[in-house]
Amino acid sequence: MNVAKLAERQLFLMKAENLEKRVRAYYAQTQDVDSLIEYGVAILVRSFFCMGSFAELIQDLIQEVYFTVEPTAVMRQYLPYFEDYFTADEWQTVVNRLFGNHTTYLAQTEEARVNKGYLEQTGTLDNRIEGLVYLVEAVFEDTIGKKHKLTIRDTDSTFNEVQTIQVLNILTTLSIFDTADVRKYETYVSYQTPGKIIATSHNSRQKTKPTAKEPETIAAQQDAQQSEKAPKKMVAAAKTRSFAAPASAGSEKESNKPASNSTATKEKQSSPANPPKNTNSPSPNVEAKKKANELLQQPDISYKRVSKNEEQTQTNGNSKKMKNRMNNALGRSKNRKRNKRK
């Protein structure tokens, strides 16, 4: 199975563990020494900018190549970047193996040695704000004038402009990003180091291991379920009370009736139509009082038969008519009143 070459996305964004596996798998499959060396240089550039260390991911593989593999021009060009991978004696052996002597080494590796000096520097700025995640967003131009953006995440913002530009220019010497004979990072154009706040984040492809529920968590879930059921019970109880409300309202109305109504009810029950069990004859005044009450509740329309308005009729004749109706209801006659006067 063929292993695809690593692009800048893998080299500058992939996690360290996965990146190491990909580089080792690629070299084991292809034995492409020149690409392996350039991958190593790109990883050193990422390690310079990032907060985490990537420098030692393939250190042993680089050592093995410089000790055993037939030297190539790429191995000689980038040898200074890997000086820290060897002891003093091992370094002298490798230099003699690739260049024959130290003088030739110095003459042919001047640019790489200068760049290596920048990779060993630390940041000089005091601009880091706690809680922000910093990026390096660089723009390069290829050999046909097309621009390409490179992003390196979780970086150290304390490097100054000279340090950042010098290290980014190392990528213009690499050929591993070339496509169809076009040097992708031919010329450096610009860069910026923005700081961002990561409020929330999620990765749908990242598998999370299920954790066992603790007893406190289970108890909290049960309490939440019971609290959800409680409102439903309260609604059902409210509905039951709403059905029973009319009957209770009716009973309250009956209990709040005036005493006269209750007295009339009792008198009605004592009327001849509903005689009490232990009475031999009804009271003679009950029926008369009942008729009098009915007459009092009827509207007075006498003002329509005479040339008086309603207010005059009610004022002048209300008292007299009331007395007449009461007398008629009680069976009293005018002749009887006249006899009493005589």
Protein backbone atom coordinates (compact mmCIF):
# COMPACT_ATOMS: atom_id res chain seq x y z
CA MET A 1 0.00 0.00 0.00
CA ASN A 2 1.36 3.39 -1.01
CA VAL A 3 1.74 6.02 1.70
CA ALA A 4 0.87 9.58 0.68
CA LYS A 5 3.35 12.37 1.24
CA LEU A 6 2.70 14.64 4.16
CA ALA A 7 1.39 18.08 3.32
CA GLU A 8 1.66 21.25 5.42
CA ARG A 9 -1.71 20.47 7.00
CA GLN A 10 -0.32 17.33 8.63
CA LEU A 11 3.09 18.79 9.45
CA PHE A 12 1.77 21.94 11.16
CA LEU A 13 -1.64 20.95 12.53
CA MET A 14 -1.55 17.24 13.35
CA LYS A 15 -1.00 16.09 16.93
CA ALA A 16 2.54 15.06 17.81
CA GLU A 17 1.77 11.36 18.28
CA ASN A 18 -0.05 11.01 14.97
CA LEU A 19 2.53 13.08 13.14
CA GLU A 20 5.37 10.86 14.34
CA LYS A 21 3.50 7.74 13.17
CA ARG A 22 2.87 9.23 9.73
CA VAL A 23 6.49 10.27 9.17
CA ARG A 24 7.87 6.91 10.27
CA ALA A 25 5.34 5.03 8.17
CA TYR A 26 6.18 7.12 5.12
CA TYR A 27 9.93 6.54 5.43
CA ALA A 28 9.50 2.82 6.11
CA GLN A 29 7.41 2.51 2.94
CA THR A 30 9.43 4.73 0.59
CA GLN A 31 12.97 5.02 2.03
CA ASP A 32 12.84 8.60 0.74
CA VAL A 33 15.77 10.11 2.64
CA ASP A 34 15.54 13.63 1.19
CA SER A 35 11.84 13.99 2.10
CA LEU A 36 12.55 12.64 5.59
CA ILE A 37 15.25 15.31 6.13
CA GLU A 38 12.95 18.11 4.95
CA TYR A 39 10.12 16.78 7.14
CA GLY A 40 12.56 17.03 10.04
CA VAL A 41 13.32 20.68 9.22
CA ALA A 42 9.60 21.56 8.96
CA ILE A 43 9.00 19.92 12.34
CA LEU A 44 11.79 22.04 13.87
CA VAL A 45 10.09 25.18 12.51
CA ARG A 46 6.80 24.13 14.07
CA SER A 47 8.54 23.32 17.36
CA PHE A 48 10.05 26.84 17.39
CA PHE A 49 6.66 28.56 17.14
CA CYS A 50 4.53 26.18 19.20
CA MET A 51 4.22 26.00 22.96
CA GLY A 52 4.75 22.23 22.90
CA SER A 53 7.97 20.51 21.83
CA PHE A 54 8.11 18.56 18.56
CA ALA A 55 11.87 18.59 18.05
CA GLU A 56 12.56 15.06 19.28
CA LEU A 57 9.78 13.22 17.43
CA ILE A 58 12.06 11.56 14.87
CA GLN A 59 15.48 12.22 16.40
CA ASP A 60 16.55 8.59 16.36
CA LEU A 61 15.50 8.22 12.72
CA ILE A 62 17.54 11.28 11.70
CA GLN A 63 20.56 9.93 13.56
CA GLU A 64 20.27 6.58 11.80
CA VAL A 65 20.10 8.21 8.37
CA TYR A 66 23.20 10.40 8.91
CA PHE A 67 25.15 7.46 10.27
CA THR A 68 24.27 4.85 7.66
CA VAL A 69 22.72 6.22 4.47
CA GLU A 70 24.79 7.31 1.50
CA PRO A 71 25.13 11.14 1.78
CA THR A 72 23.03 13.29 -0.54
CA ALA A 73 22.98 17.03 -1.33
CA VAL A 74 19.86 17.49 0.80
CA MET A 75 21.51 15.76 3.77
CA ARG A 76 24.50 18.13 3.48
CA GLN A 77 22.35 21.27 3.01
CA TYR A 78 20.27 20.74 6.15
CA LEU A 79 22.80 19.05 8.43
CA PRO A 80 23.30 22.13 10.72
CA TYR A 81 19.65 22.02 11.82
CA PHE A 82 20.24 18.64 13.51
CA GLU A 83 23.48 19.37 15.36
CA ASP A 84 21.71 19.06 18.74
CA TYR A 85 20.77 15.45 17.91
CA PHE A 86 24.42 14.34 18.29
CA THR A 87 27.09 14.42 20.91
CA ALA A 88 30.32 16.29 20.19
CA ASP A 89 32.14 13.17 19.03
CA GLU A 90 29.19 11.96 16.96
CA TRP A 91 28.88 15.39 15.35
CA GLN A 92 32.49 15.45 14.27
CA THR A 93 32.11 11.97 12.77
CA VAL A 94 29.04 13.00 10.77
CA VAL A 95 30.70 16.20 9.50
CA ASN A 96 33.76 14.29 8.31
CA ARG A 97 31.54 11.65 6.70
CA LEU A 98 29.53 14.19 4.68
CA PHE A 99 32.11 16.95 4.00
CA GLY A 100 35.51 15.44 4.59
CA ASN A 101 36.58 18.25 6.95
CA HIS A 102 35.16 21.03 9.08
CA THR A 103 36.33 23.85 6.78
CA THR A 104 34.29 22.53 3.86
CA TYR A 105 31.33 22.12 6.15
CA LEU A 106 31.46 25.79 7.19
CA ALA A 107 31.78 26.99 3.61
CA GLN A 108 28.79 25.02 2.29
CA THR A 109 26.32 25.48 5.18
CA GLU A 110 26.47 29.19 5.99
CA GLU A 111 22.74 29.90 5.38
CA ALA A 112 21.56 26.85 7.33
CA ARG A 113 23.82 27.72 10.27
CA VAL A 114 22.40 31.27 10.47
CA ASN A 115 18.84 29.95 10.43
CA LYS A 116 19.77 27.37 13.05
CA GLY A 117 20.86 30.22 15.31
CA TYR A 118 17.37 31.76 15.15
CA LEU A 119 15.75 28.44 16.03
CA GLU A 120 17.74 28.44 19.27
CA GLN A 121 16.50 31.88 20.37
CA THR A 122 13.69 32.63 22.79
CA GLY A 123 10.98 35.28 22.63
CA THR A 124 11.81 38.84 23.62
CA LEU A 125 8.34 40.43 23.76
CA ASP A 126 6.11 40.75 26.81
CA ASN A 127 2.77 40.67 25.01
CA ARG A 128 1.19 37.39 26.03
CA ILE A 129 -2.30 37.64 27.58
CA GLU A 130 -3.53 34.81 29.77
CA GLY A 131 -6.50 32.98 28.31
CA LEU A 132 -5.79 33.72 24.64
CA VAL A 133 -4.78 31.11 22.06
CA TYR A 134 -2.26 32.49 19.56
CA LEU A 135 -1.75 31.59 15.92
CA VAL A 136 0.82 32.33 13.27
CA GLU A 137 -0.88 33.07 9.96
CA ALA A 138 1.72 33.46 7.21
CA VAL A 139 1.27 34.17 3.51
CA PHE A 140 3.66 32.89 0.81
CA GLU A 141 3.75 33.26 -2.94
CA ASP A 142 4.54 30.41 -5.33
CA THR A 143 6.60 30.55 -8.53
CA ILE A 144 3.57 31.52 -10.65
CA GLY A 145 2.46 34.35 -8.35
CA LYS A 146 -0.35 32.58 -6.49
CA LYS A 147 -0.59 33.23 -2.76
CA HIS A 148 -0.90 30.51 -0.12
CA LYS A 149 -1.73 30.81 3.56
CA LEU A 150 -0.05 28.75 6.26
CA THR A 151 -1.50 28.49 9.78
CA ILE A 152 0.38 27.25 12.84
CA ARG A 153 -1.76 26.90 15.97
CA ASP A 154 -1.08 27.31 19.68
CA THR A 155 2.03 29.41 19.20
CA ASP A 156 4.26 31.57 21.39
CA SER A 157 3.45 35.24 20.73
CA THR A 158 6.65 36.60 22.31
CA PHE A 159 8.85 36.28 19.20
CA ASN A 160 9.65 39.59 17.56
CA GLU A 161 9.30 40.46 13.89
CA VAL A 162 12.88 39.65 12.89
CA GLN A 163 12.82 36.24 14.57
CA THR A 164 9.47 35.30 13.04
CA ILE A 165 10.36 36.35 9.49
CA GLN A 166 13.73 34.62 9.57
CA VAL A 167 12.27 31.30 10.72
CA LEU A 168 9.36 31.48 8.25
CA ASN A 169 11.89 31.99 5.45
CA ILE A 170 13.33 28.54 6.23
CA LEU A 171 10.17 27.07 4.65
CA THR A 172 11.05 28.75 1.32
CA THR A 173 14.06 26.43 1.04
CA LEU A 174 11.97 23.23 1.27
CA SER A 175 10.70 21.31 -1.77
CA ILE A 176 8.33 18.89 0.05
CA PHE A 177 5.37 21.22 -0.56
CA ASP A 178 5.95 21.55 -4.32
CA THR A 179 3.20 20.48 -6.72
CA ALA A 180 3.65 19.90 -10.45
CA ASP A 181 7.11 21.50 -10.49
CA VAL A 182 5.75 24.64 -8.78
CA ARG A 183 7.52 25.77 -5.62
CA LYS A 184 4.58 26.47 -3.32
CA TYR A 185 6.46 28.54 -0.74
CA GLU A 186 8.78 30.36 -3.11
CA THR A 187 8.67 33.79 -1.43
CA TYR A 188 7.62 34.97 1.99
CA VAL A 189 4.95 37.75 1.87
CA SER A 190 3.49 38.54 5.29
CA TYR A 191 2.45 37.18 8.67
CA GLN A 192 0.34 38.04 11.71
CA THR A 193 0.01 36.55 15.17
CA PRO A 194 -3.62 36.93 16.30
CA GLY A 195 -4.81 35.92 19.74
CA LYS A 196 -8.22 34.27 20.07
CA ILE A 197 -10.47 33.14 22.90
CA ILE A 198 -11.81 29.62 22.52
CA ALA A 199 -15.20 29.84 24.25
CA THR A 200 -16.37 26.33 23.35
CA SER A 201 -15.07 23.60 21.08
CA HIS A 202 -16.16 20.22 19.78
CA ASN A 203 -14.76 17.58 17.48
CA SER A 204 -17.29 15.13 16.07
CA ARG A 205 -14.53 12.73 15.01
CA GLN A 206 -12.85 12.59 18.39
CA LYS A 207 -13.97 9.53 20.31
CA THR A 208 -14.75 9.99 23.98
CA LYS A 209 -14.63 7.12 26.42
CA PRO A 210 -17.86 6.58 28.36
CA THR A 211 -17.42 7.17 32.06
CA ALA A 212 -19.19 5.23 34.80
CA LYS A 213 -21.91 7.17 36.53
CA GLU A 214 -21.16 8.01 40.11
CA PRO A 215 -23.83 7.49 42.80
CA GLU A 216 -24.18 11.25 43.27
CA THR A 217 -24.84 11.70 39.56
CA ILE A 218 -27.50 8.98 39.56
CA ALA A 219 -29.21 10.51 42.60
CA ALA A 220 -29.22 13.92 40.92
CA GLN A 221 -30.85 12.46 37.81
CA GLN A 222 -33.55 10.76 39.89
CA ASP A 223 -34.30 14.02 41.69
CA ALA A 224 -34.61 15.78 38.35
CA GLN A 225 -37.07 13.16 37.09
CA GLN A 226 -39.21 13.47 40.21
CA SER A 227 -39.23 17.26 39.92
CA GLU A 228 -40.45 16.90 36.33
CA LYS A 229 -43.31 14.61 37.41
CA ALA A 230 -44.44 16.93 40.24
CA PRO A 231 -45.86 19.68 37.99
CA LYS A 232 -47.90 17.09 36.07
CA LYS A 233 -49.51 15.86 39.31
CA MET A 234 -50.28 19.43 40.31
CA VAL A 235 -51.99 20.09 36.95
CA ALA A 236 -54.13 16.96 37.33
CA ALA A 237 -55.14 17.98 40.85
CA ALA A 238 -56.03 21.46 39.62
CA LYS A 239 -58.27 19.98 36.94
CA THR A 240 -60.06 17.82 39.54
CA ARG A 241 -60.65 20.86 41.71
CA SER A 242 -61.98 22.81 38.74
CA PHE A 243 -64.66 20.16 38.12
CA ALA A 244 -65.71 20.25 41.78
CA ALA A 245 -65.70 24.05 41.94
CA PRO A 246 -69.27 24.66 40.60
CA ALA A 247 -70.86 22.46 43.23
CA SER A 248 -68.90 24.08 46.01
CA ALA A 249 -69.62 27.51 44.58
CA GLY A 250 -73.30 26.69 44.60
CA SER A 251 -73.14 25.57 48.18
CA GLU A 252 -71.33 28.78 49.12
CA LYS A 253 -74.03 30.87 47.43
CA GLU A 254 -76.70 29.00 49.29
CA SER A 255 -74.88 29.51 52.58
CA ASN A 256 -74.43 33.24 51.84
CA LYS A 257 -78.15 33.90 51.18
CA PRO A 258 -79.78 36.41 53.55
CA ALA A 259 -81.66 35.24 56.56
CA SER A 260 -84.96 36.39 55.04
CA ASN A 261 -84.53 33.91 52.19
CA SER A 262 -83.83 31.09 54.58
CA THR A 263 -86.88 32.13 56.61
CA ALA A 264 -89.03 32.23 53.49
CA THR A 265 -87.72 28.78 52.54
CA LYS A 266 -88.66 27.43 55.93
CA GLU A 267 -92.07 29.09 55.69
CA LYS A 268 -92.49 27.63 52.21
CA GLN A 269 -91.76 24.20 53.56
CA SER A 270 -94.46 24.85 56.20
CA SER A 271 -97.02 25.89 53.54
CA PRO A 272 -100.14 23.72 52.77
CA ALA A 273 -98.42 22.34 49.67
CA ASN A 274 -95.59 20.96 51.81
CA PRO A 275 -97.05 20.49 55.30
CA PRO A 276 -94.69 19.40 58.05
CA LYS A 277 -95.13 15.94 59.46
CA ASN A 278 -96.22 16.96 62.97
CA THR A 279 -98.62 19.86 62.05
CA ASN A 280 -102.40 19.51 61.65
CA SER A 281 -103.15 22.81 59.78
CA PRO A 282 -101.07 25.39 57.90
CA SER A 283 -100.55 28.93 59.10
CA PRO A 284 -103.14 31.31 57.51
CA ASN A 285 -100.69 34.21 57.00
CA VAL A 286 -97.99 32.30 55.03
CA GLU A 287 -99.80 32.25 51.70
CA ALA A 288 -100.78 35.90 52.02
CA LYS A 289 -97.22 37.01 52.71
CA LYS A 290 -96.01 34.99 49.77
CA LYS A 291 -98.43 36.76 47.41
CA ALA A 292 -97.45 40.12 48.84
CA ASN A 293 -93.77 39.45 48.12
CA GLU A 294 -94.60 38.46 44.54
CA LEU A 295 -96.57 41.65 44.02
CA LEU A 296 -93.72 43.76 45.38
CA GLN A 297 -91.32 42.25 42.83
CA GLN A 298 -93.53 43.17 39.84
CA PRO A 299 -92.57 46.43 38.01
CA ASP A 300 -94.79 49.47 38.40
CA ILE A 301 -96.18 50.67 35.03
CA SER A 302 -98.92 52.96 36.29
CA TYR A 303 -97.11 56.03 35.07
CA LYS A 304 -97.88 54.92 31.53
CA ARG A 305 -101.64 55.34 32.09
CA VAL A 306 -101.50 58.88 33.51
CA SER A 307 -99.82 62.08 32.50
CA LYS A 308 -96.98 61.70 34.98
CA ASN A 309 -93.43 60.64 34.49
CA GLU A 310 -91.93 57.64 36.17
CA GLU A 311 -90.16 59.60 38.87
CA GLN A 312 -93.34 61.41 39.95
CA THR A 313 -95.32 58.22 40.01
CA GLN A 314 -92.76 56.47 42.17
CA THR A 315 -92.51 59.43 44.52
CA ASN A 316 -96.20 60.22 45.00
CA GLY A 317 -97.96 56.91 44.60
CA ASN A 318 -95.51 54.31 45.71
CA SER A 319 -96.47 54.42 49.34
CA LYS A 320 -100.22 54.35 48.75
CA LYS A 321 -100.07 51.52 46.25
CA MET A 322 -97.90 49.47 48.47
CA LYS A 323 -100.43 49.75 51.28
CA ASN A 324 -103.32 48.82 48.98
CA ARG A 325 -101.51 45.76 47.69
CA MET A 326 -100.67 44.66 51.17
CA ASN A 327 -104.30 45.06 52.26
CA ASN A 328 -105.61 43.18 49.27
CA ALA A 329 -103.10 40.39 49.81
CA LEU A 330 -104.09 40.14 53.48
CA GLY A 331 -107.81 40.18 52.68
CA ARG A 332 -108.47 43.58 54.16
CA SER A 333 -111.13 45.76 52.54
CA LYS A 334 -111.66 49.53 52.42
CA ASN A 335 -115.06 49.19 54.07
CA ARG A 336 -113.39 47.53 57.04
CA LYS A 337 -110.98 50.46 57.43
CA ARG A 338 -113.83 52.89 57.18
CA ASN A 339 -115.79 51.02 59.84
CA LYS A 340 -112.76 51.21 62.12
CA ARG A 341 -112.52 54.93 61.62
CA LYS A 342 -116.19 55.36 62.52
